[in-house]
């Protein structure tokens, strides 16, 4: 498959168009939740069967051994082959495949097919849900989650129906002309058709070059900005991202020629280039995080004051209210000030996420300017944070778990070290280079003086 890049344009929308889009996003959310309920039932039926349990036990046994020789021996056994065949048959029986999920999405969206076309249901609901279940079945996913109100964030099609890029004559285009004007057309059988202009910055040479490529998919995404939804059209286009140049024609983000060794952890990046070793602090300013924490405290107090009947005497949330001898779901009431604070929190989180991504791109460009042959330590950041805390004197609780685990995870989420590595890898590959070489460190001695510099130098030797 050829390389694909993503570009996005703001949509110029009227209020009534935003209202229609909001309703369609919510319809997609309700379809998603209805289908998810069905798929989870199928999942529980399959995983509770003796056939599945027995086959998974055999399959997992291959991954519990450390020796590659023993692992190959188990996989070559007749018992293992029978187990994988049984798993395959059960997955097919209970409908766990990309094709089946696409078909189920169309079936669940049938009641809304006048406003949610088949292709939109298949690509916006079926495929993403299958991605969640694929992680649940074969990866490290733990559960597929229902979508709460206001959380469904994108709808997508192949650009041939439902959501299309059209010119002023309403003709669908698969390749735009940077000199022409284009619109995003959202159409349906009986619902209102929405024709929204793309906001294109004519001075942005990078975007003008990218928009002239072949379009593969058209996606509408939304972000809540200061309490109001803003809509964007996101296009997947052919080829690697274009190289950016300044007004004088010089490359904005050149690639260096040095060999680099990098040691990255949850708070810093240490780079060895053969001549010097540089450590970059990757922690973000926590002012926004502190403000979010203040808002969270206010939201909790407001929720408790407005809905006292939903809480037990010890302050925990009730599992439900008894009515007519049956347990009913809790009903929550929110004040206007609560809603304003909630929107304020959402906006701060959006700003924080954008700052995190901008910072990651900036760091990736800085590293790439130093060198292109790069080796970096590769291990789970959560586990690394726990090992580091323990080495620095962090104790375990009575159950043998490291204390303050949530705090360590919070630091990883805020600083996003994995995002930096991913963006750097993508940028290198977009230039036709090999990308980042990830090397595992068997052990890390956090008590060693300047251990970051030592391991960064070790990584450089791996890259040579």
Protein backbone atom coordinates (compact mmCIF):
# COMPACT_ATOMS: atom_id res chain seq x y z
CA UNK A 1 0.00 0.00 0.00
CA UNK A 2 1.32 3.46 -0.92
CA UNK A 3 2.19 5.92 1.82
CA UNK A 4 -0.62 8.10 3.13
CA UNK A 5 -0.49 11.55 4.77
CA UNK A 6 -3.20 13.50 6.57
CA UNK A 7 -4.11 17.17 6.18
CA UNK A 8 -6.95 19.14 7.76
CA UNK A 9 -8.89 22.30 6.87
CA UNK A 10 -11.30 24.26 9.08
CA UNK A 11 -14.88 24.26 7.80
CA UNK A 12 -16.80 27.52 7.49
CA UNK A 13 -20.15 26.56 9.04
CA UNK A 14 -23.45 28.25 9.78
CA UNK A 15 -25.29 27.67 13.05
CA UNK A 16 -27.98 25.47 11.53
CA UNK A 17 -25.30 23.33 9.85
CA UNK A 18 -23.55 22.86 13.19
CA UNK A 19 -26.85 21.78 14.74
CA UNK A 20 -27.41 19.20 11.99
CA UNK A 21 -23.86 17.88 12.31
CA UNK A 22 -24.23 17.65 16.09
CA UNK A 23 -27.38 15.53 15.74
CA UNK A 24 -25.73 13.21 13.22
CA UNK A 25 -22.71 12.73 15.45
CA UNK A 26 -25.06 11.83 18.29
CA UNK A 27 -26.99 9.40 16.07
CA UNK A 28 -23.69 7.71 15.22
CA UNK A 29 -22.89 7.55 18.92
CA UNK A 30 -26.21 5.86 19.73
CA UNK A 31 -25.67 3.34 16.91
CA UNK A 32 -22.14 2.69 18.19
CA UNK A 33 -23.37 2.02 21.73
CA UNK A 34 -26.21 -0.25 20.58
CA UNK A 35 -23.83 -2.28 18.44
CA UNK A 36 -21.21 -2.37 21.19
CA UNK A 37 -23.74 -3.86 23.62
CA UNK A 38 -24.42 -6.65 21.13
CA UNK A 39 -20.74 -7.33 20.40
CA UNK A 40 -19.87 -7.47 24.11
CA UNK A 41 -22.58 -10.10 24.63
CA UNK A 42 -21.09 -12.12 21.78
CA UNK A 43 -17.64 -11.67 23.30
CA UNK A 44 -18.80 -12.90 26.72
CA UNK A 45 -20.52 -15.92 25.15
CA UNK A 46 -17.39 -16.86 23.21
CA UNK A 47 -14.85 -16.31 25.99
CA UNK A 48 -16.94 -18.19 28.57
CA UNK A 49 -17.11 -21.33 26.41
CA UNK A 50 -14.85 -24.24 27.37
CA UNK A 51 -13.53 -24.55 23.81
CA UNK A 52 -12.26 -20.98 23.82
CA UNK A 53 -10.74 -21.17 27.31
CA UNK A 54 -8.88 -24.38 26.45
CA UNK A 55 -7.56 -23.02 23.14
CA UNK A 56 -6.42 -19.71 24.68
CA UNK A 57 -4.63 -21.54 27.48
CA UNK A 58 -2.59 -23.48 24.92
CA UNK A 59 -1.91 -20.37 22.79
CA UNK A 60 -0.82 -18.31 25.80
CA UNK A 61 1.54 -21.05 26.95
CA UNK A 62 3.82 -20.18 24.02
CA UNK A 63 4.24 -16.64 25.29
CA UNK A 64 4.96 -17.58 28.89
CA UNK A 65 8.29 -19.21 28.08
CA UNK A 66 11.38 -17.01 27.78
CA UNK A 67 13.38 -19.22 25.44
CA UNK A 68 12.74 -18.63 21.73
CA UNK A 69 13.60 -22.27 21.10
CA UNK A 70 10.90 -23.47 23.51
CA UNK A 71 8.43 -21.00 22.02
CA UNK A 72 9.03 -22.33 18.49
CA UNK A 73 8.70 -25.90 19.78
CA UNK A 74 5.28 -25.16 21.32
CA UNK A 75 4.06 -23.40 18.16
CA UNK A 76 5.14 -26.34 16.03
CA UNK A 77 3.17 -28.83 18.15
CA UNK A 78 -0.07 -30.37 16.95
CA UNK A 79 -1.85 -29.19 20.09
CA UNK A 80 -0.95 -25.54 19.37
CA UNK A 81 -2.09 -25.81 15.73
CA UNK A 82 -5.42 -27.29 16.82
CA UNK A 83 -5.84 -24.51 19.39
CA UNK A 84 -5.27 -21.74 16.82
CA UNK A 85 -7.70 -23.45 14.41
CA UNK A 86 -10.33 -23.68 17.17
CA UNK A 87 -9.83 -20.00 18.01
CA UNK A 88 -10.19 -19.07 14.35
CA UNK A 89 -13.44 -21.06 14.01
CA UNK A 90 -14.90 -19.53 17.19
CA UNK A 91 -14.03 -16.00 16.05
CA UNK A 92 -15.80 -16.70 12.77
CA UNK A 93 -18.80 -18.27 14.51
CA UNK A 94 -19.34 -15.27 16.81
CA UNK A 95 -18.67 -12.69 14.11
CA UNK A 96 -15.30 -11.29 15.17
CA UNK A 97 -13.76 -9.97 11.98
CA UNK A 98 -13.47 -6.63 10.20
CA UNK A 99 -16.00 -7.70 7.59
CA UNK A 100 -18.55 -8.89 10.16
CA UNK A 101 -18.27 -5.68 12.18
CA UNK A 102 -18.80 -3.64 9.02
CA UNK A 103 -21.94 -5.66 8.24
CA UNK A 104 -23.19 -5.34 11.83
CA UNK A 105 -22.73 -1.55 11.69
CA UNK A 106 -24.88 -1.38 8.56
CA UNK A 107 -27.54 -3.54 10.23
CA UNK A 108 -27.65 -1.44 13.41
CA UNK A 109 -27.77 1.79 11.38
CA UNK A 110 -30.64 0.54 9.21
CA UNK A 111 -33.24 2.52 11.16
CA UNK A 112 -31.28 5.72 10.45
CA UNK A 113 -30.27 4.97 6.85
CA UNK A 114 -32.02 8.08 5.55
CA UNK A 115 -29.48 10.29 7.36
CA UNK A 116 -26.58 7.90 8.08
CA UNK A 117 -25.53 6.28 4.76
CA UNK A 118 -24.18 2.74 4.63
CA UNK A 119 -20.57 3.69 3.93
CA UNK A 120 -20.54 6.18 6.82
CA UNK A 121 -21.88 3.57 9.27
CA UNK A 122 -19.37 1.00 8.06
CA UNK A 123 -16.30 3.25 8.24
CA UNK A 124 -17.26 5.47 11.21
CA UNK A 125 -18.67 2.76 13.49
CA UNK A 126 -17.84 -0.77 12.34
CA UNK A 127 -14.14 -0.36 11.54
CA UNK A 128 -13.20 1.66 14.69
CA UNK A 129 -15.09 -0.80 16.91
CA UNK A 130 -13.33 -3.73 15.30
CA UNK A 131 -10.03 -1.97 16.06
CA UNK A 132 -10.99 -1.87 19.77
CA UNK A 133 -11.99 -5.55 19.80
CA UNK A 134 -8.87 -6.54 17.87
CA UNK A 135 -6.78 -5.09 20.72
CA UNK A 136 -9.06 -6.81 23.20
CA UNK A 137 -8.65 -10.18 21.50
CA UNK A 138 -5.05 -10.10 20.30
CA UNK A 139 -3.33 -7.13 21.95
CA UNK A 140 -3.15 -5.38 25.29
CA UNK A 141 -6.67 -3.91 25.23
CA UNK A 142 -8.76 -4.58 28.32
CA UNK A 143 -12.30 -3.57 27.33
CA UNK A 144 -14.17 -1.67 24.64
CA UNK A 145 -15.88 1.38 26.11
CA UNK A 146 -19.30 2.89 25.44
CA UNK A 147 -19.32 6.44 24.08
CA UNK A 148 -20.71 9.03 26.47
CA UNK A 149 -22.77 12.02 25.36
CA UNK A 150 -20.69 14.55 23.43
CA UNK A 151 -17.71 12.20 22.96
CA UNK A 152 -18.15 10.84 19.42
CA UNK A 153 -15.50 12.87 17.60
CA UNK A 154 -15.39 11.91 13.90
CA UNK A 155 -17.33 10.53 10.94
CA UNK A 156 -15.63 9.26 7.78
CA UNK A 157 -16.28 7.87 4.29
CA UNK A 158 -14.24 6.96 1.21
CA UNK A 159 -14.96 10.37 -0.34
CA UNK A 160 -17.28 8.92 -3.00
CA UNK A 161 -20.55 9.13 -1.05
CA UNK A 162 -22.02 10.63 2.14
CA UNK A 163 -19.05 12.97 2.73
CA UNK A 164 -17.38 14.35 -0.38
CA UNK A 165 -15.10 17.15 -1.51
CA UNK A 166 -16.86 19.03 -4.32
CA UNK A 167 -16.15 22.06 -6.48
CA UNK A 168 -18.47 25.02 -6.99
CA UNK A 169 -20.49 22.96 -9.51
CA UNK A 170 -21.09 20.23 -6.90
CA UNK A 171 -18.90 17.76 -8.79
CA UNK A 172 -16.95 15.31 -6.62
CA UNK A 173 -13.19 15.64 -6.90
CA UNK A 174 -10.45 13.20 -5.95
CA UNK A 175 -7.71 15.77 -6.52
CA UNK A 176 -8.02 19.49 -5.77
CA UNK A 177 -6.58 22.48 -7.59
CA UNK A 178 -4.94 24.88 -5.13
CA UNK A 179 -6.27 27.85 -7.13
CA UNK A 180 -9.94 26.76 -7.00
CA UNK A 181 -12.55 26.89 -4.23
CA UNK A 182 -13.83 23.68 -2.67
CA UNK A 183 -16.57 22.55 -0.30
CA UNK A 184 -17.25 19.61 1.98
CA UNK A 185 -20.64 18.15 1.06
CA UNK A 186 -22.43 15.96 3.62
CA UNK A 187 -25.40 14.33 1.91
CA UNK A 188 -28.16 11.89 2.92
CA UNK A 189 -31.30 10.35 1.41
CA UNK A 190 -33.89 12.44 3.23
CA UNK A 191 -31.97 14.62 5.67
CA UNK A 192 -30.60 18.07 4.95
CA UNK A 193 -27.54 18.26 2.72
CA UNK A 194 -24.73 20.39 4.10
CA UNK A 195 -22.34 22.26 1.82
CA UNK A 196 -19.56 23.89 3.83
CA UNK A 197 -16.59 25.82 2.35
CA UNK A 198 -13.04 24.75 3.18
CA UNK A 199 -10.97 27.49 4.78
CA UNK A 200 -7.67 27.36 2.89
CA UNK A 201 -4.76 29.63 3.81
CA UNK A 202 -3.38 30.70 0.41
CA UNK A 203 0.00 31.63 1.91
CA UNK A 204 0.55 28.13 3.31
CA UNK A 205 2.67 26.59 0.53
CA UNK A 206 2.82 23.24 2.32
CA UNK A 207 -0.98 22.86 2.41
CA UNK A 208 -1.33 24.08 -1.18
CA UNK A 209 1.06 21.35 -2.33
CA UNK A 210 -0.60 18.64 -0.21
CA UNK A 211 -4.14 19.44 -1.34
CA UNK A 212 -3.27 18.66 -4.97
CA UNK A 213 -2.71 14.97 -4.18
CA UNK A 214 -5.18 12.10 -4.61
CA UNK A 215 -7.78 11.88 -1.81
CA UNK A 216 -8.36 8.46 -0.22
CA UNK A 217 -10.76 9.21 2.63
CA UNK A 218 -12.70 12.24 3.84
CA UNK A 219 -13.30 12.63 7.57
CA UNK A 220 -15.14 15.31 9.54
CA UNK A 221 -13.70 15.82 13.01
CA UNK A 222 -14.92 18.15 15.73
CA UNK A 223 -13.23 19.89 18.64
CA UNK A 224 -14.91 21.81 21.42
CA UNK A 225 -13.38 25.29 21.61
CA UNK A 226 -14.58 27.49 24.48
CA UNK A 227 -17.84 25.56 24.79
CA UNK A 228 -18.65 25.51 21.07
CA UNK A 229 -18.02 22.72 18.58
CA UNK A 230 -15.67 23.59 15.70
CA UNK A 231 -15.67 21.35 12.64
CA UNK A 232 -12.77 20.38 10.37
CA UNK A 233 -12.41 18.22 7.29
CA UNK A 234 -9.50 15.79 7.47
CA UNK A 235 -8.22 14.30 4.22
CA UNK A 236 -6.02 11.23 3.82
CA UNK A 237 -3.93 11.92 0.69
CA UNK A 238 -1.35 9.97 -1.28
CA UNK A 239 2.34 10.16 -0.44
CA UNK A 240 4.63 11.24 2.38
CA UNK A 241 4.25 14.74 3.86
CA UNK A 242 5.76 17.46 1.68
CA UNK A 243 8.98 19.16 2.76
CA UNK A 244 8.36 22.58 4.28
CA UNK A 245 10.30 25.64 3.08
CA UNK A 246 10.51 29.21 4.34
CA UNK A 247 9.81 32.35 2.29
CA UNK A 248 13.40 32.29 0.94
CA UNK A 249 13.11 28.71 -0.26
CA UNK A 250 15.24 27.19 2.50
CA UNK A 251 14.21 23.88 4.06
CA UNK A 252 12.57 24.55 7.44
CA UNK A 253 13.45 21.25 9.08
CA UNK A 254 16.69 19.88 7.58
CA UNK A 255 18.04 16.43 8.43
CA UNK A 256 21.45 16.11 10.06
CA UNK A 257 24.05 13.50 9.16
CA UNK A 258 25.29 12.41 12.59
CA UNK A 259 24.70 9.06 14.30
CA UNK A 260 22.73 9.56 17.51
CA UNK A 261 22.13 7.46 20.59
CA UNK A 262 19.09 8.45 22.65
CA UNK A 263 18.00 7.50 26.13
CA UNK A 264 14.42 8.61 26.78
CA UNK A 265 12.42 8.27 29.97
CA UNK A 266 9.26 9.87 31.33
CA UNK A 267 10.83 13.28 32.01
CA UNK A 268 13.82 13.78 29.71
CA UNK A 269 15.65 12.92 26.49
CA UNK A 270 19.42 12.43 26.57
CA UNK A 271 21.21 12.56 23.19
CA UNK A 272 24.76 11.40 22.44
CA UNK A 273 26.15 12.46 19.05
CA UNK A 274 29.78 11.34 19.47
CA UNK A 275 31.06 14.77 20.42
CA UNK A 276 28.78 15.85 23.24
CA UNK A 277 25.84 14.62 25.28
CA UNK A 278 22.73 16.79 25.61
CA UNK A 279 19.82 16.31 28.01
CA UNK A 280 16.45 17.92 27.18
CA UNK A 281 13.73 18.29 29.80
CA UNK A 282 10.37 17.18 28.32
CA UNK A 283 8.11 18.07 31.25
CA UNK A 284 5.30 20.46 30.40
CA UNK A 285 4.35 23.53 32.42
CA UNK A 286 1.86 22.24 35.01
CA UNK A 287 -0.16 25.47 35.36
CA UNK A 288 -2.92 24.09 33.15
CA UNK A 289 -2.87 20.79 35.06
CA UNK A 290 -3.30 22.66 38.35
CA UNK A 291 -6.22 24.64 36.92
CA UNK A 292 -7.85 21.43 35.70
CA UNK A 293 -7.41 19.94 39.19
CA UNK A 294 -9.18 23.00 40.70
CA UNK A 295 -12.05 22.62 38.23
CA UNK A 296 -12.33 18.91 39.01
CA UNK A 297 -12.71 19.70 42.70
CA UNK A 298 -15.41 22.27 41.93
CA UNK A 299 -17.25 19.84 39.62
CA UNK A 300 -17.25 17.14 42.29
CA UNK A 301 -18.56 19.52 44.98
CA UNK A 302 -21.23 20.89 42.62
CA UNK A 303 -22.34 17.40 41.57
CA UNK A 304 -22.68 16.34 45.21
CA UNK A 305 -24.60 19.49 46.18
CA UNK A 306 -27.04 19.13 43.25
CA UNK A 307 -27.55 15.37 43.54
CA UNK A 308 -27.27 14.42 47.26
CA UNK A 309 -29.65 11.46 46.83
CA UNK A 310 -27.13 9.77 44.48
CA UNK A 311 -24.45 9.41 47.17
CA UNK A 312 -24.06 7.07 50.13
CA UNK A 313 -23.32 8.36 53.63
CA UNK A 314 -19.62 7.55 53.15
CA UNK A 315 -19.48 9.75 50.02
CA UNK A 316 -19.39 6.95 47.43
CA UNK A 317 -21.78 6.94 44.47
CA UNK A 318 -24.79 4.64 44.77
CA UNK A 319 -25.16 1.81 42.29
CA UNK A 320 -28.75 2.84 41.64
CA UNK A 321 -31.99 3.92 43.29
CA UNK A 322 -34.78 1.53 44.29
CA UNK A 323 -38.13 2.43 42.76
CA UNK A 324 -41.23 0.17 42.71
CA UNK A 325 -39.08 -2.70 43.92
CA UNK A 326 -36.60 -2.33 41.06
CA UNK A 327 -33.18 -0.77 40.88
CA UNK A 328 -33.18 2.24 38.56
CA UNK A 329 -30.25 4.06 37.00
CA UNK A 330 -29.22 7.29 38.68
CA UNK A 331 -30.48 10.57 37.28
CA UNK A 332 -28.02 13.43 37.38
CA UNK A 333 -28.87 17.14 37.42
CA UNK A 334 -26.25 19.77 36.62
CA UNK A 335 -26.32 23.49 37.32
CA UNK A 336 -25.48 26.08 34.67
CA UNK A 337 -22.27 26.94 36.50
CA UNK A 338 -21.35 23.23 36.46
CA UNK A 339 -21.84 23.11 32.66
CA UNK A 340 -19.71 26.23 32.17
CA UNK A 341 -16.94 24.78 34.35
CA UNK A 342 -17.13 21.48 32.43
CA UNK A 343 -16.73 23.34 29.13
CA UNK A 344 -13.83 25.29 30.60
CA UNK A 345 -12.15 22.03 31.59
CA UNK A 346 -12.68 20.54 28.11
CA UNK A 347 -11.14 23.63 26.51
CA UNK A 348 -8.12 23.47 28.81
CA UNK A 349 -7.63 19.80 28.00
CA UNK A 350 -7.80 20.62 24.28
CA UNK A 351 -5.19 23.35 24.67
CA UNK A 352 -3.02 21.01 26.72
CA UNK A 353 -3.22 18.28 24.07
CA UNK A 354 -2.30 20.75 21.31
CA UNK A 355 0.62 22.07 23.34
CA UNK A 356 1.79 18.50 23.90
CA UNK A 357 1.68 17.74 20.17
CA UNK A 358 3.41 21.01 19.21
CA UNK A 359 6.14 20.32 21.77
CA UNK A 360 6.58 16.74 20.46
CA UNK A 361 6.93 17.98 16.85
CA UNK A 362 9.41 20.67 17.90
CA UNK A 363 11.57 18.17 19.80
CA UNK A 364 11.43 15.69 16.91
CA UNK A 365 12.60 18.41 14.49
CA UNK A 366 15.45 19.39 16.83
CA UNK A 367 16.65 15.79 17.09
CA UNK A 368 16.28 15.18 13.35
CA UNK A 369 18.38 18.29 12.63
CA UNK A 370 21.21 16.68 14.63
CA UNK A 371 21.22 13.31 12.86
CA UNK A 372 19.25 10.70 10.94
CA UNK A 373 20.85 7.42 12.05
CA UNK A 374 19.19 7.07 15.45
CA UNK A 375 18.98 4.30 18.05
CA UNK A 376 16.74 4.74 21.09
CA UNK A 377 15.94 2.64 24.15
CA UNK A 378 12.68 0.73 23.86
CA UNK A 379 10.67 -0.42 26.85
CA UNK A 380 7.18 0.18 28.31
CA UNK A 381 7.19 3.67 29.82
CA UNK A 382 4.75 2.71 32.60
CA UNK A 383 6.92 -0.19 33.72
CA UNK A 384 10.04 1.97 33.43
CA UNK A 385 8.49 4.65 35.63
CA UNK A 386 7.66 2.04 38.28
CA UNK A 387 11.17 0.54 38.23
CA UNK A 388 12.73 4.00 38.49
CA UNK A 389 10.51 4.94 41.45
CA UNK A 390 11.34 1.68 43.22
CA UNK A 391 15.07 2.18 42.62
CA UNK A 392 14.81 5.67 44.08
CA UNK A 393 13.18 4.36 47.25
CA UNK A 394 9.51 4.05 46.28
CA UNK A 395 7.87 1.40 48.45
CA UNK A 396 5.29 -1.26 47.65
CA UNK A 397 1.93 -1.53 49.35
CA UNK A 398 0.67 -4.53 51.34
CA UNK A 399 -0.36 -6.28 48.09
CA UNK A 400 3.09 -5.93 46.56
CA UNK A 401 2.12 -3.11 44.15
CA UNK A 402 4.18 0.02 43.71
CA UNK A 403 2.63 3.00 45.44
CA UNK A 404 1.61 6.13 43.51
CA UNK A 405 1.18 4.16 40.31
CA UNK A 406 -1.52 6.55 39.14
CA UNK A 407 0.87 9.46 39.60
CA UNK A 408 3.52 7.77 37.45
CA UNK A 409 0.95 7.09 34.74
CA UNK A 410 -0.18 10.71 34.98
CA UNK A 411 3.39 11.92 34.36
CA UNK A 412 3.63 9.70 31.27
CA UNK A 413 0.31 11.04 29.97
CA UNK A 414 1.36 14.65 30.52
CA UNK A 415 4.85 14.41 29.01
CA UNK A 416 3.94 11.87 26.27
CA UNK A 417 7.44 10.43 25.64
CA UNK A 418 6.05 7.74 23.31
CA UNK A 419 4.45 10.45 21.15
CA UNK A 420 7.85 12.10 20.64
CA UNK A 421 9.39 8.79 19.52
CA UNK A 422 6.48 8.06 17.15
CA UNK A 423 6.57 11.51 15.53
CA UNK A 424 10.37 11.34 15.12
CA UNK A 425 10.07 7.90 13.51
CA UNK A 426 7.35 9.12 11.13
CA UNK A 427 9.32 12.22 10.14
CA UNK A 428 12.41 10.16 9.29
CA UNK A 429 10.43 7.63 7.26
CA UNK A 430 8.67 10.46 5.41
CA UNK A 431 12.11 11.53 4.18
CA UNK A 432 12.78 8.03 2.87
CA UNK A 433 15.07 7.15 5.78
CA UNK A 434 15.07 4.00 7.93
CA UNK A 435 13.42 5.56 10.95
CA UNK A 436 14.21 5.11 14.63
CA UNK A 437 15.98 1.89 15.65
CA UNK A 438 14.49 0.73 18.94
CA UNK A 439 16.79 -1.28 21.16
CA UNK A 440 15.89 -2.99 24.44
CA UNK A 441 17.99 -2.44 27.54
CA UNK A 442 18.15 -5.57 29.66
CA UNK A 443 18.52 -3.63 32.91
CA UNK A 444 18.74 0.02 33.93
CA UNK A 445 20.80 0.98 36.97
CA UNK A 446 19.13 4.13 38.29
CA UNK A 447 21.66 4.36 41.12
CA UNK A 448 24.54 4.84 38.70
CA UNK A 449 25.85 8.38 38.34
CA UNK A 450 24.79 10.02 35.06
CA UNK A 451 23.02 6.81 34.01
CA UNK A 452 21.10 8.66 31.27
CA UNK A 453 24.35 9.73 29.59
CA UNK A 454 25.82 6.24 29.95
CA UNK A 455 22.81 4.59 28.27
CA UNK A 456 22.61 7.27 25.56
CA UNK A 457 26.23 6.47 24.64
CA UNK A 458 25.39 2.77 24.69
CA UNK A 459 22.52 3.39 22.28
CA UNK A 460 24.85 5.24 19.91
CA UNK A 461 27.12 2.19 19.74
CA UNK A 462 24.03 0.18 18.73
CA UNK A 463 23.37 2.61 15.86
CA UNK A 464 26.93 2.47 14.46
